[in-house]
Amino acid sequence: MVSRYSSRMPTRPTQTSVWSNTFPTMPEIFQITFLSLQISALATGLSLIIGLPFGTLLALGKFPGRSFLLSLVNTGMGLPPVVVGLFVAMMLWRSGPLGEMRLIYTPSAIIIAQVVISFPVVTGLTAAALQSLDPRLRLQLYGLGASRTQMIGMLWKEARLPLLAALMAGFGSVISEVGASMMVGGNIRYQTRVLTTAIVLETGKGNFDIAIALGLLLLTITFLVNWALTWIQQRGARK
């Protein structure tokens, strides 16, 4: 029974590689920071690519089941990350439907989980932003001869400030996420360890000074990214 179960388990790092007593070096901290930014940026970008048109469809479209889909999206905005991590891990597990892709305990698995987390946030805020616009604006654009594609582009431009807020919210939901990243990434040193999982690791080892330093680094990065997006948002508001 044990051998049968073990053969279905994906390869995972040993306890020594995950719970090492050594302190992270500066090159390792740079690698962890870069990986965190890379994963969160890709996840946010994919969420924007998927969520912007889907949120537009929910805001402007009229079709059966639209209210149900909006309810699902709004529910997903508060979806617990650990639940997302459990679902994605089951899908990517070697015995799962996508197990042949061997994505479990890789950065790609973390990106998938973070997209699932941020996609409802971007979609819901996009739909809310477009629904808040004056409905007569669409009629005016059509009256001026705009095509549907041109009309949607103008609505996006008109709602660019709340859409930037949706982007910030989506980024914030993934850069600070830890539960799903730990479950699907495995917190493997030099491979899937990101800032949030490194903070949990150092806290578990009792290295509170390192955990606090990593936490301050994470807060600083989050602030700088949101400060840049806020500057762009407010600059657009003055035009």
Protein backbone atom coordinates (compact mmCIF):
# COMPACT_ATOMS: atom_id res chain seq x y z
CA MET A 1 0.00 0.00 0.00
CA VAL A 2 2.80 2.41 0.87
CA SER A 3 4.67 1.79 -2.39
CA ARG A 4 1.53 2.30 -4.45
CA TYR A 5 0.81 5.61 -2.74
CA SER A 6 4.39 6.81 -3.05
CA SER A 7 4.50 6.13 -6.76
CA ARG A 8 1.67 8.62 -7.24
CA MET A 9 3.35 11.38 -5.30
CA PRO A 10 5.14 14.15 -7.25
CA THR A 11 8.79 14.71 -6.60
CA ARG A 12 9.20 17.10 -3.70
CA PRO A 13 12.28 18.56 -2.04
CA THR A 14 13.58 16.96 1.12
CA GLN A 15 12.98 18.58 4.47
CA THR A 16 16.60 19.67 4.56
CA SER A 17 16.26 21.78 1.43
CA VAL A 18 13.07 23.46 2.70
CA TRP A 19 13.81 23.87 6.41
CA SER A 20 17.51 24.59 6.23
CA ASN A 21 18.98 26.36 9.26
CA THR A 22 21.25 28.52 7.10
CA PHE A 23 20.47 32.20 6.74
CA PRO A 24 19.58 33.49 3.25
CA THR A 25 22.46 35.27 1.54
CA MET A 26 22.10 38.57 -0.30
CA PRO A 27 22.21 36.88 -3.75
CA GLU A 28 19.49 34.52 -2.55
CA ILE A 29 17.36 37.44 -1.32
CA PHE A 30 17.78 39.16 -4.69
CA GLN A 31 16.76 35.94 -6.45
CA ILE A 32 13.70 35.55 -4.19
CA THR A 33 12.71 39.18 -4.75
CA PHE A 34 13.11 38.97 -8.53
CA LEU A 35 11.12 35.73 -8.67
CA SER A 36 8.34 37.29 -6.57
CA LEU A 37 8.10 40.29 -8.91
CA GLN A 38 8.30 38.12 -12.01
CA ILE A 39 5.54 35.75 -10.88
CA SER A 40 3.24 38.50 -9.60
CA ALA A 41 3.74 40.65 -12.72
CA LEU A 42 2.97 37.75 -15.05
CA ALA A 43 -0.06 36.72 -13.00
CA THR A 44 -1.39 40.28 -12.92
CA GLY A 45 -0.78 40.73 -16.64
CA LEU A 46 -2.59 37.50 -17.51
CA SER A 47 -5.45 38.46 -15.20
CA LEU A 48 -5.71 41.81 -16.97
CA ILE A 49 -5.66 40.19 -20.42
CA ILE A 50 -8.46 37.81 -19.42
CA GLY A 51 -10.37 39.94 -16.93
CA LEU A 52 -10.61 43.19 -18.91
CA PRO A 53 -12.58 41.76 -21.86
CA PHE A 54 -14.61 39.42 -19.64
CA GLY A 55 -15.50 42.26 -17.27
CA THR A 56 -16.45 44.37 -20.30
CA LEU A 57 -18.71 41.59 -21.54
CA LEU A 58 -20.42 41.34 -18.15
CA ALA A 59 -20.84 45.11 -17.96
CA LEU A 60 -22.14 45.76 -21.47
CA GLY A 61 -23.58 42.44 -22.58
CA LYS A 62 -27.14 41.25 -22.20
CA PHE A 63 -27.46 37.48 -22.20
CA PRO A 64 -29.02 34.72 -20.06
CA GLY A 65 -26.99 33.92 -16.96
CA ARG A 66 -25.25 37.30 -16.82
CA SER A 67 -26.38 38.00 -13.25
CA PHE A 68 -25.27 34.53 -12.20
CA LEU A 69 -21.81 35.08 -13.70
CA LEU A 70 -21.54 38.45 -11.98
CA SER A 71 -22.41 36.78 -8.69
CA LEU A 72 -19.71 34.17 -9.27
CA VAL A 73 -17.16 36.86 -10.05
CA ASN A 74 -18.09 38.87 -6.97
CA THR A 75 -17.85 35.73 -4.85
CA GLY A 76 -14.45 34.98 -6.37
CA MET A 77 -13.18 38.39 -5.27
CA GLY A 78 -13.24 37.09 -1.71
CA LEU A 79 -12.07 33.55 -2.49
CA PRO A 80 -9.63 32.27 0.20
CA PRO A 81 -6.17 31.72 -1.35
CA VAL A 82 -5.75 28.39 0.44
CA VAL A 83 -8.89 27.11 -1.28
CA VAL A 84 -7.44 28.19 -4.62
CA GLY A 85 -4.17 26.48 -3.72
CA LEU A 86 -5.99 23.26 -2.85
CA PHE A 87 -7.96 23.29 -6.11
CA VAL A 88 -4.94 24.05 -8.29
CA ALA A 89 -2.81 21.47 -6.46
CA MET A 90 -5.46 18.79 -7.06
CA MET A 91 -5.54 19.69 -10.75
CA LEU A 92 -1.75 19.67 -11.13
CA TRP A 93 -1.03 16.70 -8.87
CA ARG A 94 0.54 13.78 -10.68
CA SER A 95 -2.69 11.78 -10.38
CA GLY A 96 -4.82 14.85 -11.27
CA PRO A 97 -6.32 15.85 -14.63
CA LEU A 98 -3.29 18.02 -15.54
CA GLY A 99 -0.67 15.87 -13.83
CA GLU A 100 1.01 14.92 -17.10
CA MET A 101 2.11 18.53 -17.53
CA ARG A 102 4.33 18.19 -14.42
CA LEU A 103 3.70 21.76 -13.30
CA ILE A 104 3.30 21.12 -9.59
CA TYR A 105 6.07 22.69 -7.48
CA THR A 106 7.14 25.01 -10.29
CA PRO A 107 6.82 28.79 -10.76
CA SER A 108 4.20 28.11 -13.44
CA ALA A 109 1.98 26.49 -10.82
CA ILE A 110 2.23 29.59 -8.63
CA ILE A 111 1.34 31.80 -11.60
CA ILE A 112 -1.74 29.67 -12.33
CA ALA A 113 -2.89 29.90 -8.71
CA GLN A 114 -2.32 33.65 -8.59
CA VAL A 115 -4.22 34.18 -11.84
CA VAL A 116 -7.18 32.33 -10.32
CA ILE A 117 -6.96 34.65 -7.31
CA SER A 118 -6.58 37.96 -9.16
CA PHE A 119 -8.79 37.27 -12.19
CA PRO A 120 -12.10 37.77 -10.29
CA VAL A 121 -10.75 40.98 -8.73
CA VAL A 122 -9.82 42.50 -12.10
CA THR A 123 -13.02 41.26 -13.74
CA GLY A 124 -15.35 42.49 -11.00
CA LEU A 125 -13.77 45.94 -10.74
CA THR A 126 -13.73 46.28 -14.54
CA ALA A 127 -17.43 45.47 -14.73
CA ALA A 128 -18.21 47.91 -11.91
CA ALA A 129 -16.13 50.67 -13.54
CA LEU A 130 -17.88 50.36 -16.89
CA GLN A 131 -21.34 50.05 -15.36
CA SER A 132 -20.77 53.30 -13.47
CA LEU A 133 -20.44 55.24 -16.74
CA ASP A 134 -23.41 57.13 -18.11
CA PRO A 135 -25.27 54.67 -20.39
CA ARG A 136 -26.02 57.54 -22.77
CA LEU A 137 -22.33 57.69 -23.62
CA ARG A 138 -22.61 54.49 -25.65
CA LEU A 139 -25.55 55.91 -27.59
CA GLN A 140 -23.61 59.08 -28.32
CA LEU A 141 -20.61 57.10 -29.58
CA TYR A 142 -22.81 54.97 -31.82
CA GLY A 143 -24.50 58.17 -33.03
CA LEU A 144 -21.12 59.54 -34.04
CA GLY A 145 -20.52 56.45 -36.17
CA ALA A 146 -18.22 54.54 -33.85
CA SER A 147 -17.96 50.79 -34.34
CA ARG A 148 -18.40 48.43 -31.39
CA THR A 149 -14.64 48.03 -31.05
CA GLN A 150 -14.14 51.81 -31.11
CA MET A 151 -16.95 52.25 -28.61
CA ILE A 152 -15.38 49.79 -26.17
CA GLY A 153 -12.00 51.48 -26.57
CA MET A 154 -13.50 54.86 -25.74
CA LEU A 155 -15.29 53.44 -22.71
CA TRP A 156 -12.02 51.97 -21.47
CA LYS A 157 -10.38 55.35 -21.93
CA GLU A 158 -13.21 57.06 -20.07
CA ALA A 159 -12.96 54.56 -17.21
CA ARG A 160 -9.15 54.44 -17.17
CA LEU A 161 -8.87 55.68 -13.56
CA PRO A 162 -10.98 52.91 -11.96
CA LEU A 163 -9.40 50.41 -14.36
CA LEU A 164 -5.98 51.36 -13.00
CA ALA A 165 -7.43 50.81 -9.54
CA ALA A 166 -8.47 47.33 -10.68
CA LEU A 167 -4.89 46.71 -11.83
CA MET A 168 -3.53 47.82 -8.45
CA ALA A 169 -6.02 45.63 -6.61
CA GLY A 170 -5.13 42.64 -8.77
CA PHE A 171 -1.41 43.12 -8.16
CA GLY A 172 -1.95 43.59 -4.44
CA SER A 173 -3.95 40.38 -4.20
CA VAL A 174 -1.08 38.27 -5.58
CA ILE A 175 2.12 39.93 -4.37
CA SER A 176 1.01 39.42 -0.75
CA GLU A 177 -0.44 35.91 -1.25
CA VAL A 178 1.18 33.04 0.66
CA GLY A 179 -1.19 30.09 1.11
CA ALA A 180 -1.64 29.06 -2.51
CA SER A 181 2.03 29.74 -3.34
CA MET A 182 3.12 27.46 -0.52
CA MET A 183 0.74 24.67 -1.53
CA VAL A 184 1.43 24.56 -5.27
CA GLY A 185 5.03 25.82 -5.24
CA GLY A 186 6.44 23.84 -2.32
CA ASN A 187 8.68 26.74 -1.18
CA ILE A 188 11.73 25.16 -2.87
CA ARG A 189 14.95 27.04 -2.39
CA TYR A 190 16.24 28.75 -5.56
CA GLN A 191 13.20 27.49 -7.49
CA THR A 192 9.80 28.46 -6.07
CA ARG A 193 10.60 30.38 -2.90
CA VAL A 194 9.08 33.87 -2.99
CA LEU A 195 9.07 36.66 -0.44
CA THR A 196 5.86 35.63 1.31
CA THR A 197 6.83 31.97 1.66
CA ALA A 198 10.34 32.97 2.74
CA ILE A 199 8.80 35.10 5.52
CA VAL A 200 6.76 32.12 6.73
CA LEU A 201 9.86 29.90 6.57
CA GLU A 202 12.07 32.26 8.58
CA THR A 203 9.30 32.81 11.13
CA GLY A 204 8.96 29.05 11.56
CA LYS A 205 12.71 28.79 12.18
CA GLY A 206 12.54 31.57 14.76
CA ASN A 207 14.55 34.03 12.67
CA PHE A 208 12.20 36.91 13.37
CA ASP A 209 14.75 39.58 12.45
CA ILE A 210 15.14 38.13 8.95
CA ALA A 211 11.38 37.64 8.64
CA ILE A 212 10.79 41.29 9.60
CA ALA A 213 13.44 42.46 7.11
CA LEU A 214 11.83 40.43 4.33
CA GLY A 215 8.44 41.77 5.34
CA LEU A 216 9.68 45.35 5.13
CA LEU A 217 11.19 44.58 1.73
CA LEU A 218 7.84 43.21 0.55
CA LEU A 219 6.01 46.28 1.85
CA THR A 220 8.51 48.59 0.17
CA ILE A 221 8.14 46.85 -3.20
CA THR A 222 4.35 46.89 -2.92
CA PHE A 223 4.37 50.57 -2.02
CA LEU A 224 6.69 51.52 -4.90
CA VAL A 225 4.61 49.64 -7.47
CA ASN A 226 1.36 51.11 -6.21
CA TRP A 227 2.93 54.58 -5.94
CA ALA A 228 3.94 54.40 -9.60
CA LEU A 229 0.47 53.24 -10.66
CA THR A 230 -1.16 55.90 -8.48
CA TRP A 231 1.05 58.57 -10.06
CA ILE A 232 -0.06 57.43 -13.51
CA GLN A 233 -3.68 57.38 -12.32
CA GLN A 234 -3.60 60.88 -10.86
CA ARG A 235 -1.70 62.24 -13.84
CA GLY A 236 -4.49 60.89 -16.04
CA ALA A 237 -7.10 62.48 -13.78
CA ARG A 238 -5.61 65.95 -14.37
CA LYS A 239 -5.89 65.64 -18.14
